[in-house]
Amino acid sequence: MKYPIKKVLSIVSAISAAAFSLNVLNVSADVIPNPVISRNCPVYSDTAGQPTAANDEHYFSFCFITTPGYLAYDLSAVPEAERKQIIAVWYNTSSYDNIGNYKNRNMEPSDYTIEVNSAPGGEYPTDGWEIAETVSGNTLSSRQHLVNMEGYNWIRLNISKADDSDGKQAGINFDIHNVSEGVSDSWLFLGDSITSGGMNNCYGTGFAAHINTIDSRYFPIQENGGIGGIRSIDGKENINRWLSVSHAKYVSIAYGTNDCWGNPNAADAYYENTKYMINAVLEAEKIPVLPKIPASSNEDVKDNVPIYNAVIERLYDEYGDRLIKGPDFETFFSENPDYLSGDGVHPSDIGYAAMREEWAKLMYERVYTAENPSPTEAVKPTEPSTSSADILCGDANCDGEVTIADSTAILQSLGNPDKYGLSEQGAKNADCCNTGDGVLPSDALAIQKLDAKLIASLPTYDWIQLPPIT
């Protein structure tokens, strides 16, 4: 069975809930790790051609399940203390909800059950399955399910319909996170097309992977709640429904570009809509995160962005430490206009990758390390001296290993050499396809392929001639 690499070759790769009172909300509270415990565990399916694609580390590979069909994980090798309570989360690349002018549904599970089984590990149990949760008529592209796993070794996602139809395929990634000490590291990023394009976890390095690179204790649950073309009023009209089925602790509210597109006079309505959404998040005992609207070079947008971001500043003042200030994307894109695509509104592929990295760096500072001990890994390794270092093919960031971060370093250096230029040694290492021809996008793509285990080694890799994946 073929599985899609989709846009990954053309897009940069970088990088029970605790209750609280609204009156004493502290957004700087410690984040308890909720790590993935299902990575590469034994997986079984009756209709999927490549079930291991559901729980490998590559979110651009998907498990395709012909409905009705199941995907089951044997978690018996995970210590019982690390799976007493879990979040089971599946991801699909459709727009977050089936609303708006640009809605799309593509192999989205719509009717399914989450089931558990106490059978010993090692052999798939054909009976003894107990239903933990039933979902019918789902319209969302990802869902989190809180499940009590005490006494159980197996978990199963049993899908009866996809896109509301019998016999269709569902295409998913499926992770199990340990939340035995509470749901602490779970995120939902709501917004418009900029969020949709920027916060997907399968096209380049996602927010969760960036956080994990900074500090290996963490691998957040990360849902992309972006929907193209919608405005703050759409968020207001739907947020209570979205929050009612979400176990996310942190909820980003990132609307505004479509509100201000050609309309400088609706800032008051934007304020009321955004305030409503912040209050809804707080009332759901979650923590709101509010970034600024990205700067734009589009004539219909650029002069209106500061007007609407003044509303966000007003909300920062009103709510104080009851919300988290997200990235200042007005300043970010004003300083990096080359990160915008040709329409002057949406980021380019490199811009989206830079947004994800900015999100991770800032949230690590404002959420994860506010009261936490020092990270277990340095954020950036020390670069070796260029006078004595040998060439390590592909190691563009000179950290002593070749990873997806090197692909990011190459593409950022090509997109903005003044800000992200490689060191002399890094440039030598980065020239990994045809040694001597300089740093090219093909070098970055080769590293992506190496990371995905689609090639065995570097250099001398002719990425254009890559055979089809079967």
Protein backbone atom coordinates (compact mmCIF):
# COMPACT_ATOMS: atom_id res chain seq x y z
CA MET A 1 0.00 0.00 0.00
CA LYS A 2 1.28 3.45 -0.81
CA TYR A 3 1.27 6.03 1.90
CA PRO A 4 1.55 9.76 1.31
CA ILE A 5 4.63 11.84 1.88
CA LYS A 6 2.29 14.67 0.78
CA LYS A 7 3.87 18.08 1.16
CA VAL A 8 6.65 17.00 3.47
CA LEU A 9 9.24 17.18 0.69
CA SER A 10 8.37 20.77 -0.15
CA ILE A 11 7.80 22.03 3.36
CA VAL A 12 10.59 22.81 5.79
CA SER A 13 11.13 20.49 8.68
CA ALA A 14 12.57 22.14 11.76
CA ILE A 15 11.58 21.98 14.03
CA SER A 16 -8.30 13.63 35.07
CA ALA A 17 -7.49 17.33 34.36
CA ALA A 18 -6.46 19.27 37.48
CA ALA A 19 -9.36 21.51 38.56
CA PHE A 20 -8.71 25.09 39.54
CA SER A 21 -10.61 28.22 40.49
CA LEU A 22 -10.72 31.10 38.02
CA ASN A 23 -9.89 33.43 40.91
CA VAL A 24 -6.62 31.68 41.69
CA LEU A 25 -5.60 30.62 38.20
CA ASN A 26 -1.84 30.55 37.86
CA VAL A 27 -0.64 30.10 34.31
CA SER A 28 2.91 29.55 35.51
CA ALA A 29 2.13 26.28 37.31
CA ASP A 30 4.43 23.31 36.76
CA VAL A 31 3.82 21.20 33.68
CA ILE A 32 3.80 17.50 34.49
CA PRO A 33 5.08 15.52 31.49
CA ASN A 34 2.44 13.55 29.60
CA PRO A 35 4.78 11.51 27.39
CA VAL A 36 3.85 9.26 24.49
CA ILE A 37 3.92 5.63 25.64
CA SER A 38 2.73 3.96 22.44
CA ARG A 39 5.64 4.77 20.17
CA ASN A 40 6.42 1.61 18.14
CA CYS A 41 4.52 -0.68 20.50
CA PRO A 42 3.04 -3.88 18.96
CA VAL A 43 0.16 -2.87 16.71
CA TYR A 44 -2.61 -4.93 15.12
CA SER A 45 -5.30 -4.23 12.54
CA ASP A 46 -7.77 -6.22 10.51
CA THR A 47 -7.94 -3.90 7.49
CA ALA A 48 -4.91 -1.57 7.60
CA GLY A 49 -2.11 -2.34 5.16
CA GLN A 50 0.55 -0.59 7.22
CA PRO A 51 -0.66 -0.31 10.83
CA THR A 52 2.78 0.63 12.19
CA ALA A 53 2.45 3.99 10.42
CA ALA A 54 -0.04 4.95 13.13
CA ASN A 55 2.45 4.99 15.99
CA ASP A 56 5.86 5.60 14.48
CA GLU A 57 7.64 8.93 14.99
CA HIS A 58 6.77 10.21 11.52
CA TYR A 59 3.47 12.04 11.43
CA PHE A 60 3.56 12.33 7.65
CA SER A 61 3.02 8.57 7.44
CA PHE A 62 -0.58 7.54 8.03
CA CYS A 63 -2.38 4.34 8.87
CA PHE A 64 -5.24 3.73 6.43
CA ILE A 65 -8.05 1.65 7.90
CA THR A 66 -10.86 0.46 5.65
CA THR A 67 -14.05 0.80 7.66
CA PRO A 68 -15.31 -1.03 9.52
CA GLY A 69 -11.88 -1.82 10.91
CA TYR A 70 -9.76 -1.52 14.01
CA LEU A 71 -6.31 -0.49 15.19
CA ALA A 72 -5.15 -2.11 18.45
CA TYR A 73 -2.07 -1.47 20.63
CA ASP A 74 -0.46 -3.92 23.03
CA LEU A 75 0.72 -1.73 25.94
CA SER A 76 1.60 -4.61 28.27
CA ALA A 77 5.31 -3.75 28.12
CA VAL A 78 4.64 -0.26 29.48
CA PRO A 79 4.95 -0.20 33.31
CA GLU A 80 1.49 -0.21 34.87
CA ALA A 81 2.23 2.96 36.83
CA GLU A 82 2.74 4.78 33.52
CA ARG A 83 -0.63 3.79 32.02
CA LYS A 84 -3.15 4.01 34.85
CA GLN A 85 -4.80 6.94 33.08
CA ILE A 86 -4.09 7.73 29.45
CA ILE A 87 -5.09 10.12 26.73
CA ALA A 88 -5.74 8.36 23.43
CA VAL A 89 -5.48 10.93 20.65
CA TRP A 90 -5.86 10.46 16.90
CA TYR A 91 -4.91 12.97 14.21
CA ASN A 92 -6.14 13.48 10.66
CA THR A 93 -5.25 16.27 8.21
CA SER A 94 -8.76 17.51 7.38
CA SER A 95 -9.74 21.03 8.46
CA TYR A 96 -10.46 20.96 12.18
CA ASP A 97 -14.24 21.12 11.81
CA ASN A 98 -16.69 20.80 8.95
CA ILE A 99 -17.55 24.52 8.82
CA GLY A 100 -16.64 27.53 6.71
CA ASN A 101 -16.13 28.10 2.99
CA TYR A 102 -12.93 26.05 2.84
CA LYS A 103 -13.98 23.04 4.89
CA ASN A 104 -12.65 19.67 3.83
CA ARG A 105 -13.02 16.12 5.10
CA ASN A 106 -10.56 13.50 3.99
CA MET A 107 -10.67 10.05 5.59
CA GLU A 108 -11.85 11.40 8.95
CA PRO A 109 -13.17 8.90 11.55
CA SER A 110 -16.79 9.83 12.20
CA ASP A 111 -18.22 6.82 14.08
CA TYR A 112 -15.98 4.80 16.37
CA THR A 113 -15.38 3.36 19.83
CA ILE A 114 -12.37 3.42 22.14
CA GLU A 115 -12.05 -0.02 23.74
CA VAL A 116 -9.80 -1.70 26.32
CA ASN A 117 -8.92 -5.30 27.09
CA SER A 118 -7.31 -7.00 30.11
CA ALA A 119 -5.87 -9.94 28.15
CA PRO A 120 -2.14 -10.63 28.53
CA GLY A 121 0.16 -9.08 25.99
CA GLY A 122 1.78 -10.91 23.12
CA GLU A 123 -1.20 -12.20 21.16
CA TYR A 124 -4.11 -10.15 19.86
CA PRO A 125 -7.28 -10.98 21.86
CA THR A 126 -10.34 -11.68 19.74
CA ASP A 127 -12.76 -11.26 22.63
CA GLY A 128 -12.98 -9.51 25.99
CA TRP A 129 -13.05 -5.97 24.60
CA GLU A 130 -14.86 -3.36 26.72
CA ILE A 131 -16.07 -0.02 25.36
CA ALA A 132 -14.56 2.98 27.15
CA GLU A 133 -16.11 5.66 24.91
CA THR A 134 -18.44 5.80 21.92
CA VAL A 135 -18.41 8.59 19.31
CA SER A 136 -21.05 9.08 16.63
CA GLY A 137 -21.26 11.78 13.97
CA ASN A 138 -17.84 13.24 14.67
CA THR A 139 -16.89 16.24 12.50
CA LEU A 140 -13.47 17.04 13.99
CA SER A 141 -10.06 16.16 12.54
CA SER A 142 -8.61 15.07 15.88
CA ARG A 143 -9.96 13.95 19.24
CA GLN A 144 -8.55 13.30 22.70
CA HIS A 145 -10.06 10.56 24.88
CA LEU A 146 -9.34 10.18 28.60
CA VAL A 147 -9.33 6.47 29.48
CA ASN A 148 -8.85 4.57 32.73
CA MET A 149 -6.41 1.78 31.86
CA GLU A 150 -5.95 0.26 35.31
CA GLY A 151 -6.16 -3.51 34.92
CA TYR A 152 -5.98 -3.33 31.12
CA ASN A 153 -3.13 -4.10 28.73
CA TRP A 154 -4.70 -3.31 25.37
CA ILE A 155 -6.42 -0.36 23.74
CA ARG A 156 -8.30 -0.37 20.44
CA LEU A 157 -9.70 2.27 18.12
CA ASN A 158 -12.60 0.56 16.36
CA ILE A 159 -13.85 2.67 13.44
CA SER A 160 -17.22 1.90 11.85
CA LYS A 161 -17.51 4.93 9.53
CA ALA A 162 -15.22 7.53 7.93
CA ASP A 163 -16.58 10.80 6.57
CA ASP A 164 -20.02 9.54 7.67
CA SER A 165 -19.87 6.67 5.16
CA ASP A 166 -19.55 2.90 5.33
CA GLY A 167 -16.68 1.24 3.52
CA LYS A 168 -14.47 4.34 3.28
CA GLN A 169 -10.90 4.52 4.49
CA ALA A 170 -9.88 6.44 7.61
CA GLY A 171 -6.39 7.93 7.58
CA ILE A 172 -4.89 8.60 11.03
CA ASN A 173 -1.97 8.78 13.40
CA PHE A 174 -2.78 7.46 16.87
CA ASP A 175 -0.85 8.21 20.08
CA ILE A 176 -1.29 7.12 23.68
CA HIS A 177 -0.03 9.54 26.36
CA ASN A 178 0.50 8.83 30.05
CA VAL A 179 -1.67 11.21 32.10
CA SER A 180 -1.68 9.18 35.33
CA GLU A 181 -0.68 12.32 37.27
CA GLY A 182 -3.20 14.52 35.46
CA VAL A 183 -3.67 16.09 32.04
CA SER A 184 -1.00 18.76 32.15
CA ASP A 185 0.67 18.94 28.74
CA SER A 186 -2.15 19.01 26.22
CA TRP A 187 -2.71 21.79 23.67
CA LEU A 188 -5.44 22.84 21.24
CA PHE A 189 -4.51 25.53 18.71
CA LEU A 190 -7.69 27.22 17.42
CA GLY A 191 -7.54 29.65 14.54
CA ASP A 192 -7.89 30.31 10.83
CA SER A 193 -5.87 29.15 7.82
CA ILE A 194 -2.61 30.48 9.27
CA THR A 195 -3.06 28.18 12.27
CA SER A 196 -4.20 25.38 9.97
CA GLY A 197 -1.04 25.63 7.89
CA GLY A 198 1.30 26.39 10.76
CA MET A 199 0.29 24.02 13.55
CA ASN A 200 -0.09 20.76 11.65
CA ASN A 201 2.19 18.13 13.14
CA CYS A 202 2.85 16.19 9.94
CA TYR A 203 4.24 18.76 7.49
CA GLY A 204 7.65 19.46 8.93
CA THR A 205 8.61 19.42 12.59
CA GLY A 206 5.56 20.00 14.79
CA PHE A 207 5.18 21.98 18.00
CA ALA A 208 5.37 18.81 20.12
CA ALA A 209 8.57 17.64 18.46
CA HIS A 210 10.15 21.07 18.93
CA ILE A 211 9.30 21.03 22.64
CA ASN A 212 10.76 17.53 22.91
CA THR A 213 13.96 18.70 21.21
CA ILE A 214 14.31 21.51 23.74
CA ASP A 215 13.54 19.27 26.72
CA SER A 216 13.23 15.51 26.27
CA ARG A 217 10.94 15.13 29.29
CA TYR A 218 8.04 16.51 27.28
CA PHE A 219 6.11 15.49 24.19
CA PRO A 220 2.85 17.47 24.27
CA ILE A 221 -0.50 16.37 22.95
CA GLN A 222 -1.00 18.83 20.11
CA GLU A 223 -4.24 19.32 18.19
CA ASN A 224 -4.39 21.64 15.19
CA GLY A 225 -7.70 23.50 15.43
CA GLY A 226 -7.16 25.68 12.36
CA ILE A 227 -9.92 26.15 9.76
CA GLY A 228 -9.31 28.17 6.62
CA GLY A 229 -11.34 31.30 5.97
CA ILE A 230 -13.07 31.67 9.33
CA ARG A 231 -13.26 34.73 11.58
CA SER A 232 -13.53 35.36 15.29
CA ILE A 233 -17.35 35.18 15.11
CA ASP A 234 -17.04 31.58 13.88
CA GLY A 235 -14.79 30.81 16.80
CA LYS A 236 -17.26 32.38 19.21
CA GLU A 237 -20.18 30.40 17.78
CA ASN A 238 -18.39 27.05 18.00
CA ILE A 239 -15.89 27.22 20.86
CA ASN A 240 -18.19 25.83 23.55
CA ARG A 241 -18.87 22.77 21.43
CA TRP A 242 -15.17 22.29 20.74
CA LEU A 243 -14.22 22.68 24.39
CA SER A 244 -16.93 20.25 25.51
CA VAL A 245 -15.11 17.35 23.85
CA SER A 246 -11.52 18.47 24.44
CA HIS A 247 -9.19 17.46 27.25
CA ALA A 248 -6.64 20.12 26.27
CA LYS A 249 -5.32 22.21 29.16
CA TYR A 250 -3.96 25.03 26.97
CA VAL A 251 -6.15 26.55 24.25
CA SER A 252 -4.70 29.05 21.78
CA ILE A 253 -7.13 31.56 20.24
CA ALA A 254 -5.59 32.85 17.01
CA TYR A 255 -8.17 34.61 14.88
CA GLY A 256 -8.08 38.09 13.40
CA THR A 257 -6.50 38.05 9.95
CA ASN A 258 -9.82 37.44 8.23
CA ASP A 259 -11.56 39.90 10.57
CA CYS A 260 -9.27 42.74 9.54
CA TRP A 261 -8.89 41.79 5.85
CA GLY A 262 -10.30 44.86 4.10
CA ASN A 263 -12.13 45.91 7.24
CA PRO A 264 -10.55 48.40 9.65
CA ASN A 265 -13.86 49.10 11.37
CA ALA A 266 -14.76 45.80 13.06
CA ALA A 267 -12.21 45.85 15.87
CA ASP A 268 -14.94 46.26 18.51
CA ALA A 269 -16.72 43.12 17.28
CA TYR A 270 -13.37 41.30 17.23
CA TYR A 271 -12.81 42.36 20.85
CA GLU A 272 -16.21 41.04 21.95
CA ASN A 273 -15.78 37.75 20.10
CA THR A 274 -12.28 37.16 21.44
CA LYS A 275 -13.29 38.10 24.97
CA TYR A 276 -16.14 35.60 24.76
CA MET A 277 -13.72 32.86 23.70
CA ILE A 278 -11.25 33.66 26.48
CA ASN A 279 -14.05 33.47 29.04
CA ALA A 280 -15.25 30.18 27.57
CA VAL A 281 -11.78 28.68 27.95
CA LEU A 282 -11.53 29.90 31.54
CA GLU A 283 -15.01 28.61 32.39
CA ALA A 284 -13.99 25.22 31.00
CA GLU A 285 -11.11 25.26 33.53
CA LYS A 286 -8.49 25.54 30.83
CA ILE A 287 -5.80 28.14 30.19
CA PRO A 288 -6.20 30.56 27.25
CA VAL A 289 -3.22 31.49 25.08
CA LEU A 290 -3.50 34.60 22.92
CA PRO A 291 -0.94 35.35 20.18
CA LYS A 292 -0.86 38.52 18.11
CA ILE A 293 -2.13 38.63 14.54
CA PRO A 294 0.71 38.22 12.01
CA ALA A 295 1.96 41.25 10.10
CA SER A 296 1.09 41.32 6.40
CA SER A 297 2.35 42.98 3.24
CA ASN A 298 -1.06 42.68 1.56
CA GLU A 299 -2.56 46.11 0.92
CA ASP A 300 -5.97 45.02 2.21
CA VAL A 301 -4.57 43.73 5.49
CA LYS A 302 -1.31 45.35 6.55
CA ASP A 303 -2.62 48.69 7.86
CA ASN A 304 -5.43 46.99 9.78
CA VAL A 305 -3.29 44.51 11.70
CA PRO A 306 -2.05 47.09 14.25
CA ILE A 307 -5.64 48.20 14.90
CA TYR A 308 -6.71 44.68 15.79
CA ASN A 309 -3.54 43.90 17.73
CA ALA A 310 -4.33 46.91 19.90
CA VAL A 311 -7.41 44.93 20.91
CA ILE A 312 -5.15 42.03 21.93
CA GLU A 313 -3.02 44.41 24.01
CA ARG A 314 -6.22 45.56 25.70
CA LEU A 315 -7.14 41.96 26.48
CA TYR A 316 -3.63 41.33 27.86
CA ASP A 317 -4.19 44.20 30.28
CA GLU A 318 -7.69 43.06 31.26
CA TYR A 319 -6.86 39.41 31.94
CA GLY A 320 -3.32 39.73 33.24
CA ASP A 321 -1.92 36.42 34.43
CA ARG A 322 -5.17 34.59 33.72
CA LEU A 323 -3.97 34.08 30.16
CA ILE A 324 -0.66 33.41 28.47
CA LYS A 325 0.70 35.85 25.94
CA GLY A 326 1.42 33.95 22.75
CA PRO A 327 4.01 34.93 20.14
CA ASP A 328 4.03 38.49 18.81
CA PHE A 329 3.63 37.53 15.17
CA GLU A 330 3.16 41.14 14.13
CA THR A 331 6.74 41.93 15.12
CA PHE A 332 7.96 38.52 13.99
CA PHE A 333 6.76 38.88 10.40
CA SER A 334 7.55 42.59 10.25
CA GLU A 335 11.15 41.66 10.97
CA ASN A 336 11.02 38.65 8.64
CA PRO A 337 8.89 39.68 5.64
CA ASP A 338 10.60 37.02 3.52
CA TYR A 339 8.71 34.46 5.63
CA LEU A 340 5.46 35.50 3.92
CA SER A 341 4.19 33.81 0.77
CA GLY A 342 3.26 35.60 -2.46
CA ASP A 343 -0.14 36.73 -1.17
CA GLY A 344 1.51 38.71 1.63
CA VAL A 345 -0.82 37.17 4.21
CA HIS A 346 -0.04 33.49 4.61
CA PRO A 347 3.44 32.41 5.63
CA SER A 348 5.60 30.51 3.19
CA ASP A 349 6.65 26.95 3.99
CA ILE A 350 9.75 28.31 5.71
CA GLY A 351 7.60 30.88 7.51
CA TYR A 352 5.24 28.22 8.85
CA ALA A 353 8.22 26.21 10.11
CA ALA A 354 9.63 29.29 11.80
CA MET A 355 6.24 29.95 13.43
CA ARG A 356 6.17 26.48 14.97
CA GLU A 357 9.66 26.92 16.32
CA GLU A 358 8.76 30.36 17.71
CA TRP A 359 5.69 28.87 19.40
CA ALA A 360 7.80 26.14 21.02
CA LYS A 361 10.60 28.40 22.23
CA LEU A 362 8.24 30.96 23.71
CA MET A 363 5.88 28.45 25.34
CA TYR A 364 8.83 26.59 26.81
CA GLU A 365 9.90 29.86 28.41
CA ARG A 366 6.44 31.02 29.53
CA VAL A 367 4.83 27.69 30.45
CA TYR A 368 7.25 24.83 30.89
CA THR A 369 10.11 26.55 32.73
CA ALA A 370 8.16 29.09 34.77
CA GLU A 371 8.52 26.99 37.92
CA ASN A 372 10.27 23.92 36.55
CA PRO A 373 13.87 22.79 37.10
CA SER A 374 16.40 23.15 34.33
CA PRO A 375 15.84 21.11 31.17
CA THR A 376 17.56 17.78 30.76
CA GLU A 377 19.01 18.83 27.42
CA ALA A 378 20.61 22.08 26.33
CA VAL A 379 18.53 24.12 23.94
CA LYS A 380 21.44 24.56 21.58
CA PRO A 381 24.65 22.55 21.63
CA THR A 382 28.01 24.22 21.47
CA GLU A 383 29.33 24.43 17.94
CA PRO A 384 32.76 22.89 17.40
CA SER A 385 35.65 24.92 16.09
CA THR A 386 35.66 25.11 12.30
CA SER A 387 39.43 24.92 12.24
CA SER A 388 39.62 21.40 13.59
CA ALA A 389 36.22 19.77 13.03
CA ASP A 390 35.94 17.06 10.41
CA ILE A 391 33.06 17.15 7.95
CA LEU A 392 30.02 15.25 9.24
CA CYS A 393 27.87 15.00 6.15
CA GLY A 394 24.47 16.57 6.81
CA ASP A 395 25.29 18.08 10.23
CA ALA A 396 24.38 21.64 9.27
CA ASN A 397 23.92 22.87 12.85
CA CYS A 398 27.17 21.25 14.03
CA ASP A 399 25.66 19.41 16.99
CA GLY A 400 27.44 16.15 16.23
CA GLU A 401 24.49 14.28 14.70
CA VAL A 402 22.30 14.38 11.62
CA THR A 403 18.62 14.96 12.40
CA ILE A 404 15.61 16.77 10.99
CA ALA A 405 16.89 19.92 12.72
CA ASP A 406 19.70 20.05 10.16
CA SER A 407 17.14 20.17 7.34
CA THR A 408 15.52 23.13 9.09
CA ALA A 409 18.88 24.89 9.48
CA ILE A 410 19.60 24.49 5.76
CA LEU A 411 16.23 25.80 4.61
CA GLN A 412 16.29 28.70 7.04
CA SER A 413 19.76 29.66 5.85
CA LEU A 414 18.56 29.64 2.25
CA GLY A 415 15.43 31.64 3.06
CA ASN A 416 17.10 34.23 5.29
CA PRO A 417 20.90 34.00 5.16
CA ASP A 418 21.41 37.25 7.08
CA LYS A 419 19.60 35.91 10.12
CA TYR A 420 20.09 32.16 9.80
CA GLY A 421 23.35 31.82 7.89
CA LEU A 422 25.30 28.63 8.53
CA SER A 423 28.76 28.66 9.99
CA GLU A 424 31.65 27.83 7.70
CA GLN A 425 31.77 24.31 9.11
CA GLY A 426 27.99 23.97 8.95
CA ALA A 427 27.98 24.90 5.26
CA LYS A 428 30.61 22.27 4.56
CA ASN A 429 28.60 19.65 6.41
CA ALA A 430 25.33 20.71 4.78
CA ASP A 431 26.58 20.13 1.23
CA CYS A 432 25.60 16.49 1.44
CA CYS A 433 24.12 15.52 -1.96
CA ASN A 434 26.76 16.35 -4.53
CA THR A 435 29.79 17.46 -2.58
CA GLY A 436 31.21 20.74 -3.81
CA ASP A 437 28.08 22.27 -5.38
CA GLY A 438 27.17 24.38 -2.35
CA VAL A 439 24.18 24.26 0.00
CA LEU A 440 20.97 23.56 -1.92
CA PRO A 441 17.33 22.66 -1.05
CA SER A 442 18.08 19.14 -2.25
CA ASP A 443 20.47 18.74 0.69
CA ALA A 444 17.63 19.52 3.11
CA LEU A 445 15.31 17.10 1.34
CA ALA A 446 17.91 14.36 1.48
CA ILE A 447 18.15 14.76 5.25
CA GLN A 448 14.36 14.54 5.53
CA LYS A 449 14.48 11.28 3.60
CA LEU A 450 17.26 9.97 5.82
CA ASP A 451 15.26 10.87 8.93
CA ALA A 452 12.22 9.07 7.49
CA LYS A 453 14.40 6.00 6.82
CA LEU A 454 13.62 6.15 3.11
CA ILE A 455 17.33 6.18 2.32
CA ALA A 456 20.13 4.44 4.15
CA SER A 457 22.89 7.03 4.16
CA LEU A 458 24.36 10.31 2.95
CA PRO A 459 25.95 11.62 0.71
CA THR A 460 25.58 11.02 -3.06
CA TYR A 461 21.81 10.72 -2.79
CA ASP A 462 19.91 11.60 -5.94
CA TRP A 463 16.58 12.59 -4.40
CA ILE A 464 14.93 13.27 -7.75
CA GLN A 465 15.32 9.62 -8.68
CA LEU A 466 13.74 8.26 -5.50
CA PRO A 467 11.57 5.25 -6.42
CA PRO A 468 7.89 5.19 -5.41
CA ILE A 469 7.10 4.14 -1.85
CA THR A 470 5.13 0.92 -1.78
